[in-house]
Amino acid sequence: MNWPRLMGVTAAGLALSGCAMSACTAGARQSPGVSATRANKTPDNAASTSTATHRKPVLILNGQLDARPGELVDIRIDGISRTQGRDGVTADSRAFAAPARMRWQDGVYWTVAALAMTDKPGWYPLSVTVAGHTVARDKVQVVRSQRPSFTVLASSRVARPGESVSLLFDDLYPGERGTDFTVRSAALPRPVRLVHDTTYDFYNPRAFSAQPELKPALADGPYTFELYGPHGHPLTARGLTVRASRPGEPDYLGKAYGPDFYDPSTGGPDSGHGHDFKVRPGGRVSVVWHDKEPDAGEDTRLTATSPAFTHVLHLNRDSSKSADGDDPRYFNTATVRTDIKPGRYPVTIVAHHGRVKKIGYLMVTAR
């Protein structure tokens, strides 16, 4: 699969720039015979080049190397004035299904031509004519067609719960049709439609992609991503391993501490609190948890559990901490069971998909 050449194209000038995520390489493919000046040109600076009528025309190609049948080639001719080209500027090659008429835009004549799906591997001459006279020549390199391919990519060798992944389908191959492609997986919140992005997949008109987020609370393990074509027809599937990062790994960012406790009748989350707390049966205790980098979606699923509580305590994010520069803070108030015996009871909070577990203690006193 040739996911390279994912180039940005502006609406006005099809300016090519940039590349996509973990699946990109150099975008502008220049032929070996290009001069240093030409090789450094991009469609952006080509459009702004002077079009003096007395200098030799310069042909600028992008997408003409290692091109597969069906891909697009961006063609620009610099040094031809609008007046000189009024009788017609045309780019032609046996690699194209038909000659491509070039039009004037942003100071140059340009066009985008599609390589014929029937092209065989090899080098094909290309020429540009003005009013029937050839003014520039170059070559286009065509390589073999590739079978359709489906790729699932994460930012590292394993995907993390809650992170974005890239779903890429390339079916630029003779006979392939349709544009309705969907990916389904238990790792995704919902089915995902793949679409052709003309900004990043300019050279390949049959590249389809999406970047969904994985579910934030996924358990570690392998997950299957199934690709379906038009009318729900299954095409292929790929696997991806999901595993939450652990402390000490480069992408682990969680720095959690707690649980801490305070008396809700005498203070709030900003009041003094600590790891140990005394409370009577039937009394109330507030639990506080801090985390410098909570996992995606963790705001809604943090809990504190204790055999001393009447129920599992769901912790809520403290929105008042949004502007004071402190770490994100979570808290809520629990009720202690009335039938509990005096003693020391653990309060446990598990975060970061089970890789962080911290325990505080309540001292339940006699009535």
Protein backbone atom coordinates (compact mmCIF):
# COMPACT_ATOMS: atom_id res chain seq x y z
CA MET A 1 0.00 0.00 0.00
CA ASN A 2 1.33 3.48 -0.83
CA TRP A 3 -0.11 5.77 1.86
CA PRO A 4 2.63 8.35 1.20
CA ARG A 5 2.06 11.52 -0.75
CA LEU A 6 -0.69 12.69 1.64
CA MET A 7 -0.46 16.33 0.55
CA GLY A 8 -2.50 19.37 1.57
CA VAL A 9 -4.32 21.09 -1.30
CA THR A 10 -5.80 24.54 -0.92
CA ALA A 11 -9.06 25.27 -2.70
CA ALA A 12 -7.62 28.15 -4.71
CA GLY A 13 -4.39 26.70 -6.02
CA LEU A 14 -4.23 23.05 -4.99
CA ALA A 15 -1.19 24.03 -2.94
CA LEU A 16 0.46 20.81 -1.83
CA SER A 17 1.89 20.61 1.66
CA GLY A 18 2.13 18.53 4.82
CA CYS A 19 1.57 14.80 5.46
CA ALA A 20 -0.67 12.57 7.57
CA MET A 21 0.15 11.11 11.07
CA SER A 22 2.25 7.95 11.21
CA ALA A 23 1.61 6.98 7.51
CA CYS A 24 3.42 9.69 5.42
CA THR A 25 6.62 10.25 3.43
CA ALA A 26 7.89 12.95 1.10
CA GLY A 27 5.02 14.34 -0.91
CA ALA A 28 6.34 16.13 -3.99
CA ARG A 29 7.86 13.52 -6.33
CA GLN A 30 10.28 15.14 -8.76
CA SER A 31 11.83 13.37 -11.74
CA PRO A 32 15.59 12.61 -11.68
CA GLY A 33 16.39 15.16 -14.37
CA VAL A 34 14.89 18.12 -12.51
CA SER A 35 17.27 20.99 -11.83
CA ALA A 36 17.96 22.10 -8.26
CA THR A 37 15.82 25.16 -8.76
CA ARG A 38 12.89 23.13 -10.04
CA ALA A 39 13.21 20.44 -7.43
CA ASN A 40 12.80 22.97 -4.65
CA LYS A 41 9.68 24.47 -6.12
CA THR A 42 6.29 23.61 -4.63
CA PRO A 43 2.92 24.45 -6.17
CA ASP A 44 2.72 27.37 -3.70
CA ASN A 45 5.85 29.18 -4.79
CA ALA A 46 5.26 28.11 -8.36
CA ALA A 47 2.05 30.10 -8.39
CA SER A 48 3.85 33.24 -7.23
CA THR A 49 6.80 32.98 -9.70
CA SER A 50 7.14 35.78 -12.21
CA THR A 51 5.75 35.02 -15.63
CA ALA A 52 8.04 37.18 -17.72
CA THR A 53 7.43 36.53 -21.41
CA HIS A 54 11.10 36.26 -22.45
CA ARG A 55 12.43 33.50 -20.22
CA LYS A 56 12.35 29.80 -20.94
CA PRO A 57 9.23 28.00 -19.66
CA VAL A 58 9.81 25.75 -16.64
CA LEU A 59 7.72 22.61 -16.21
CA ILE A 60 6.90 21.72 -12.60
CA LEU A 61 5.50 18.27 -11.79
CA ASN A 62 4.31 16.82 -8.52
CA GLY A 63 3.18 13.23 -8.07
CA GLN A 64 4.95 11.93 -11.19
CA LEU A 65 7.36 9.48 -9.49
CA ASP A 66 6.42 6.01 -8.20
CA ALA A 67 2.86 6.75 -9.32
CA ARG A 68 0.29 3.98 -9.51
CA PRO A 69 -2.30 3.69 -12.28
CA GLY A 70 -5.23 5.90 -11.35
CA GLU A 71 -3.22 8.40 -9.28
CA LEU A 72 -3.12 12.13 -10.03
CA VAL A 73 -0.25 14.22 -11.34
CA ASP A 74 -0.12 17.98 -10.67
CA ILE A 75 1.31 19.82 -13.73
CA ARG A 76 2.35 23.48 -13.84
CA ILE A 77 4.14 25.48 -16.51
CA ASP A 78 5.92 28.62 -15.35
CA GLY A 79 7.10 31.30 -17.76
CA ILE A 80 4.07 31.33 -20.06
CA SER A 81 2.04 34.51 -19.83
CA ARG A 82 -1.71 34.48 -19.92
CA THR A 83 -1.61 36.18 -23.30
CA GLN A 84 0.80 33.61 -24.74
CA GLY A 85 -1.45 30.78 -23.63
CA ARG A 86 -4.74 32.21 -24.79
CA ASP A 87 -4.80 29.85 -27.81
CA GLY A 88 -4.50 26.78 -25.57
CA VAL A 89 -1.98 25.15 -23.23
CA THR A 90 -2.13 21.34 -23.10
CA ALA A 91 -0.29 18.60 -21.21
CA ASP A 92 -0.18 15.21 -22.90
CA SER A 93 1.33 11.80 -22.22
CA ARG A 94 0.61 8.21 -23.17
CA ALA A 95 0.21 7.69 -19.40
CA PHE A 96 -2.95 9.81 -19.46
CA ALA A 97 -6.31 8.67 -20.69
CA ALA A 98 -6.57 11.90 -22.71
CA PRO A 99 -4.68 15.19 -23.15
CA ALA A 100 -5.24 17.58 -20.23
CA ARG A 101 -6.14 21.19 -20.98
CA MET A 102 -4.26 23.57 -18.64
CA ARG A 103 -5.97 26.64 -17.26
CA TRP A 104 -4.67 29.96 -15.94
CA GLN A 105 -4.71 30.47 -12.17
CA ASP A 106 -2.56 32.48 -9.76
CA GLY A 107 0.01 33.42 -12.40
CA VAL A 108 0.62 30.00 -13.99
CA TYR A 109 -1.04 27.49 -16.26
CA TRP A 110 -1.81 24.26 -14.43
CA THR A 111 -3.86 21.10 -14.50
CA VAL A 112 -4.32 17.82 -12.66
CA ALA A 113 -4.24 14.71 -14.84
CA ALA A 114 -5.18 11.15 -13.88
CA LEU A 115 -2.99 8.23 -14.90
CA ALA A 116 -4.94 5.63 -16.85
CA MET A 117 -5.85 2.49 -14.91
CA THR A 118 -4.52 0.46 -17.87
CA ASP A 119 -0.98 1.87 -17.62
CA LYS A 120 1.84 -0.66 -17.49
CA PRO A 121 4.93 -0.05 -15.32
CA GLY A 122 7.52 2.18 -16.97
CA TRP A 123 8.54 5.73 -17.88
CA TYR A 124 6.18 7.76 -20.05
CA PRO A 125 7.18 10.97 -21.89
CA LEU A 126 5.13 14.06 -21.05
CA SER A 127 4.98 17.24 -23.08
CA VAL A 128 3.35 20.63 -22.76
CA THR A 129 2.28 22.48 -25.87
CA VAL A 130 1.24 26.08 -26.37
CA ALA A 131 -0.90 26.72 -29.43
CA GLY A 132 0.29 23.40 -30.84
CA HIS A 133 4.02 24.06 -30.23
CA THR A 134 5.91 21.95 -27.63
CA VAL A 135 7.51 24.18 -24.99
CA ALA A 136 8.53 21.67 -22.26
CA ARG A 137 9.11 17.95 -21.78
CA ASP A 138 9.51 15.56 -18.86
CA LYS A 139 8.66 11.99 -17.88
CA VAL A 140 6.17 10.22 -15.63
CA GLN A 141 7.10 7.04 -13.78
CA VAL A 142 4.30 4.50 -13.37
CA VAL A 143 4.65 1.50 -11.05
CA ARG A 144 2.49 -1.59 -10.64
CA SER A 145 -1.01 -1.46 -9.20
CA GLN A 146 -1.39 -2.67 -5.62
CA ARG A 147 -4.14 -4.86 -4.28
CA PRO A 148 -6.64 -3.10 -1.97
CA SER A 149 -5.33 -2.82 1.59
CA PHE A 150 -6.79 -1.93 4.99
CA THR A 151 -4.58 -0.60 7.80
CA VAL A 152 -5.24 0.21 11.45
CA LEU A 153 -2.54 2.40 13.00
CA ALA A 154 -1.91 3.63 16.54
CA SER A 155 0.69 6.09 17.78
CA SER A 156 2.83 3.24 19.15
CA ARG A 157 3.07 -0.54 18.94
CA VAL A 158 0.03 -0.80 21.19
CA ALA A 159 -2.96 1.51 21.35
CA ARG A 160 -4.02 3.24 24.55
CA PRO A 161 -7.64 3.38 25.70
CA GLY A 162 -9.21 6.69 24.70
CA GLU A 163 -6.61 7.58 22.06
CA SER A 164 -7.19 8.23 18.36
CA VAL A 165 -6.31 5.60 15.78
CA SER A 166 -6.03 5.85 12.01
CA LEU A 167 -8.22 3.69 9.80
CA LEU A 168 -6.93 3.66 6.23
CA PHE A 169 -8.39 1.87 3.20
CA ASP A 170 -6.71 2.05 -0.22
CA ASP A 171 -8.48 0.32 -3.09
CA LEU A 172 -6.89 2.11 -6.05
CA TYR A 173 -6.98 -1.00 -8.21
CA PRO A 174 -8.60 -1.83 -11.54
CA GLY A 175 -12.26 -2.71 -11.15
CA GLU A 176 -12.76 -1.33 -7.63
CA ARG A 177 -15.86 0.81 -7.18
CA GLY A 178 -18.04 2.37 -4.51
CA THR A 179 -17.36 4.90 -1.77
CA ASP A 180 -19.43 3.60 1.15
CA PHE A 181 -16.94 1.98 3.56
CA THR A 182 -17.53 1.41 7.29
CA VAL A 183 -15.39 0.01 10.12
CA ARG A 184 -16.89 -1.76 13.13
CA SER A 185 -15.11 -2.86 16.30
CA ALA A 186 -15.88 -3.50 19.96
CA ALA A 187 -13.06 -1.02 20.64
CA LEU A 188 -15.02 1.84 19.01
CA PRO A 189 -18.02 3.63 20.52
CA ARG A 190 -19.92 3.28 17.23
CA PRO A 191 -19.39 2.26 13.57
CA VAL A 192 -17.09 4.65 11.71
CA ARG A 193 -17.58 5.80 8.11
CA LEU A 194 -14.40 6.12 6.02
CA VAL A 195 -14.31 9.10 3.66
CA HIS A 196 -11.96 10.42 0.99
CA ASP A 197 -10.09 13.46 2.26
CA THR A 198 -8.97 15.60 -0.67
CA THR A 199 -6.72 17.65 1.60
CA TYR A 200 -4.49 14.78 2.69
CA ASP A 201 -5.14 12.11 0.07
CA PHE A 202 -4.86 14.33 -2.98
CA TYR A 203 -2.77 12.07 -5.25
CA ASN A 204 -4.82 8.94 -4.55
CA PRO A 205 -8.50 9.44 -5.42
CA ARG A 206 -9.46 6.10 -3.86
CA ALA A 207 -7.96 6.51 -0.40
CA PHE A 208 -10.52 6.46 2.42
CA SER A 209 -9.77 7.19 6.06
CA ALA A 210 -11.01 8.16 9.52
CA GLN A 211 -9.47 8.92 12.92
CA PRO A 212 -11.88 7.77 15.64
CA GLU A 213 -11.13 7.60 19.35
CA LEU A 214 -11.09 4.26 21.12
CA LYS A 215 -13.41 3.76 24.04
CA PRO A 216 -11.82 5.33 27.12
CA ALA A 217 -12.45 2.38 29.44
CA LEU A 218 -11.23 -0.49 27.23
CA ALA A 219 -9.79 -3.54 28.93
CA ASP A 220 -6.32 -4.64 27.84
CA GLY A 221 -6.28 -7.14 25.00
CA PRO A 222 -6.58 -7.67 21.22
CA TYR A 223 -9.45 -6.10 19.27
CA THR A 224 -10.65 -6.75 15.73
CA PHE A 225 -11.54 -3.96 13.28
CA GLU A 226 -13.84 -5.17 10.50
CA LEU A 227 -14.15 -3.32 7.20
CA TYR A 228 -17.48 -3.37 5.36
CA GLY A 229 -18.13 -2.17 1.83
CA PRO A 230 -21.30 -0.94 0.12
CA HIS A 231 -24.52 -2.63 1.29
CA GLY A 232 -22.76 -4.00 4.38
CA HIS A 233 -20.61 -6.46 2.45
CA PRO A 234 -17.66 -7.65 4.62
CA LEU A 235 -14.30 -6.98 2.97
CA THR A 236 -11.49 -7.67 5.43
CA ALA A 237 -10.40 -7.25 9.05
CA ARG A 238 -7.34 -6.17 11.01
CA GLY A 239 -6.32 -6.58 14.64
CA LEU A 240 -5.01 -4.06 17.16
CA THR A 241 -3.71 -4.58 20.67
CA VAL A 242 -4.95 -2.17 23.34
CA ARG A 243 -3.12 -1.78 26.65
CA ALA A 244 -3.16 1.04 29.15
CA SER A 245 0.27 2.49 29.92
CA ARG A 246 1.97 1.75 33.22
CA PRO A 247 3.99 3.99 35.55
CA GLY A 248 7.51 4.29 34.20
CA GLU A 249 6.51 4.00 30.55
CA PRO A 250 7.23 7.04 28.34
CA ASP A 251 3.57 7.80 27.65
CA TYR A 252 2.40 7.45 31.23
CA LEU A 253 1.34 10.87 32.46
CA GLY A 254 -0.78 10.14 35.50
CA LYS A 255 0.46 11.57 38.77
CA ALA A 256 -2.31 10.74 41.20
CA TYR A 257 -2.39 11.14 44.97
CA GLY A 258 -5.03 10.48 47.58
CA PRO A 259 -7.54 9.53 48.74
CA ASP A 260 -7.69 12.28 51.34
CA PHE A 261 -10.56 12.99 53.75
CA TYR A 262 -12.24 15.96 55.42
CA ASP A 263 -15.35 16.66 57.49
CA PRO A 264 -18.06 18.04 55.16
CA SER A 265 -19.77 19.78 58.08
CA THR A 266 -16.75 21.97 58.85
CA GLY A 267 -14.99 22.50 55.51
CA GLY A 268 -14.76 21.93 51.79
CA PRO A 269 -12.23 20.50 49.34
CA ASP A 270 -9.89 23.44 50.03
CA SER A 271 -9.87 22.81 53.77
CA GLY A 272 -7.20 20.73 55.47
CA HIS A 273 -7.44 17.02 54.80
CA GLY A 274 -5.29 13.93 55.22
CA HIS A 275 -4.98 10.18 54.64
CA ASP A 276 -6.46 9.21 58.02
CA PHE A 277 -9.82 10.31 59.35
CA LYS A 278 -12.02 9.51 62.36
CA VAL A 279 -15.76 9.15 61.98
CA ARG A 280 -18.63 7.61 63.97
CA PRO A 281 -21.06 4.98 62.59
CA GLY A 282 -23.72 6.75 60.50
CA GLY A 283 -21.43 9.78 60.10
CA ARG A 284 -20.34 11.44 56.86
CA VAL A 285 -16.91 11.82 55.30
CA SER A 286 -15.79 13.61 52.13
CA VAL A 287 -13.22 11.95 49.88
CA VAL A 288 -10.76 13.94 47.73
CA TRP A 289 -8.60 12.66 44.84
CA HIS A 290 -5.96 14.58 42.82
CA ASP A 291 -4.49 13.63 39.44
CA LYS A 292 -2.21 15.79 37.33
CA GLU A 293 -3.11 13.93 34.10
CA PRO A 294 -6.33 11.88 34.37
CA ASP A 295 -7.02 9.44 31.55
CA ALA A 296 -9.43 10.31 28.77
CA GLY A 297 -12.99 9.95 30.05
CA GLU A 298 -11.91 9.37 33.64
CA ASP A 299 -13.90 12.35 34.86
CA THR A 300 -17.06 10.26 34.75
CA ARG A 301 -15.92 6.92 36.12
CA LEU A 302 -13.74 7.50 39.21
CA THR A 303 -15.09 5.81 42.33
CA ALA A 304 -14.08 5.30 45.95
CA THR A 305 -15.00 2.01 47.60
CA SER A 306 -14.88 0.98 51.23
CA PRO A 307 -16.51 -1.68 53.43
CA ALA A 308 -17.34 1.25 55.72
CA PHE A 309 -19.50 3.04 53.11
CA THR A 310 -23.18 2.44 52.52
CA HIS A 311 -22.53 2.35 48.74
CA VAL A 312 -19.86 2.90 46.09
CA LEU A 313 -18.98 6.59 46.03
CA HIS A 314 -18.80 8.19 42.57
CA LEU A 315 -16.32 11.06 42.52
CA ASN A 316 -17.14 14.28 40.68
CA ARG A 317 -14.63 16.68 39.15
CA ASP A 318 -14.32 19.93 41.08
CA SER A 319 -15.11 22.56 38.43
CA SER A 320 -14.02 25.34 40.80
CA LYS A 321 -10.41 24.26 40.16
CA SER A 322 -10.51 25.34 36.54
CA ALA A 323 -8.63 28.60 37.03
CA ASP A 324 -6.37 28.26 40.07
CA GLY A 325 -3.58 26.28 38.37
CA ASP A 326 -3.89 23.30 40.73
CA ASP A 327 -4.08 19.70 39.57
CA PRO A 328 -7.54 18.39 38.64
CA ARG A 329 -9.44 17.42 41.77
CA TYR A 330 -12.33 15.02 42.34
CA PHE A 331 -14.49 14.69 45.46
CA ASN A 332 -17.78 13.56 46.92
CA THR A 333 -19.29 12.73 50.31
CA ALA A 334 -20.00 9.23 51.62
CA THR A 335 -22.14 7.99 54.50
CA VAL A 336 -20.68 5.47 56.93
CA ARG A 337 -22.78 2.42 57.73
CA THR A 338 -24.69 2.51 61.01
CA ASP A 339 -24.12 -1.16 61.76
CA ILE A 340 -20.34 -1.03 61.48
CA LYS A 341 -18.00 -2.02 64.29
CA PRO A 342 -15.22 0.28 65.49
CA GLY A 343 -11.98 -0.23 63.61
CA ARG A 344 -9.71 0.87 60.74
CA TYR A 345 -11.26 0.54 57.28
CA PRO A 346 -9.63 1.00 53.84
CA VAL A 347 -10.94 3.41 51.21
CA THR A 348 -9.73 2.43 47.74
CA ILE A 349 -9.57 4.39 44.49
CA VAL A 350 -8.53 2.66 41.26
CA ALA A 351 -7.63 4.87 38.27
CA HIS A 352 -5.84 4.80 34.91
CA HIS A 353 -7.52 1.59 33.77
CA GLY A 354 -6.47 -0.31 36.84
CA ARG A 355 -2.79 0.56 36.81
CA VAL A 356 -3.07 3.06 39.69
CA LYS A 357 -4.48 1.88 43.00
CA LYS A 358 -4.25 3.93 46.19
CA ILE A 359 -5.72 3.33 49.64
CA GLY A 360 -6.54 5.65 52.51
CA TYR A 361 -7.94 4.64 55.89
CA LEU A 362 -10.93 5.62 57.99
CA MET A 363 -10.95 5.10 61.74
CA VAL A 364 -14.50 4.29 62.77
CA THR A 365 -14.94 5.11 66.46
CA ALA A 366 -17.47 3.88 68.96
CA ARG A 367 -20.67 5.80 69.30
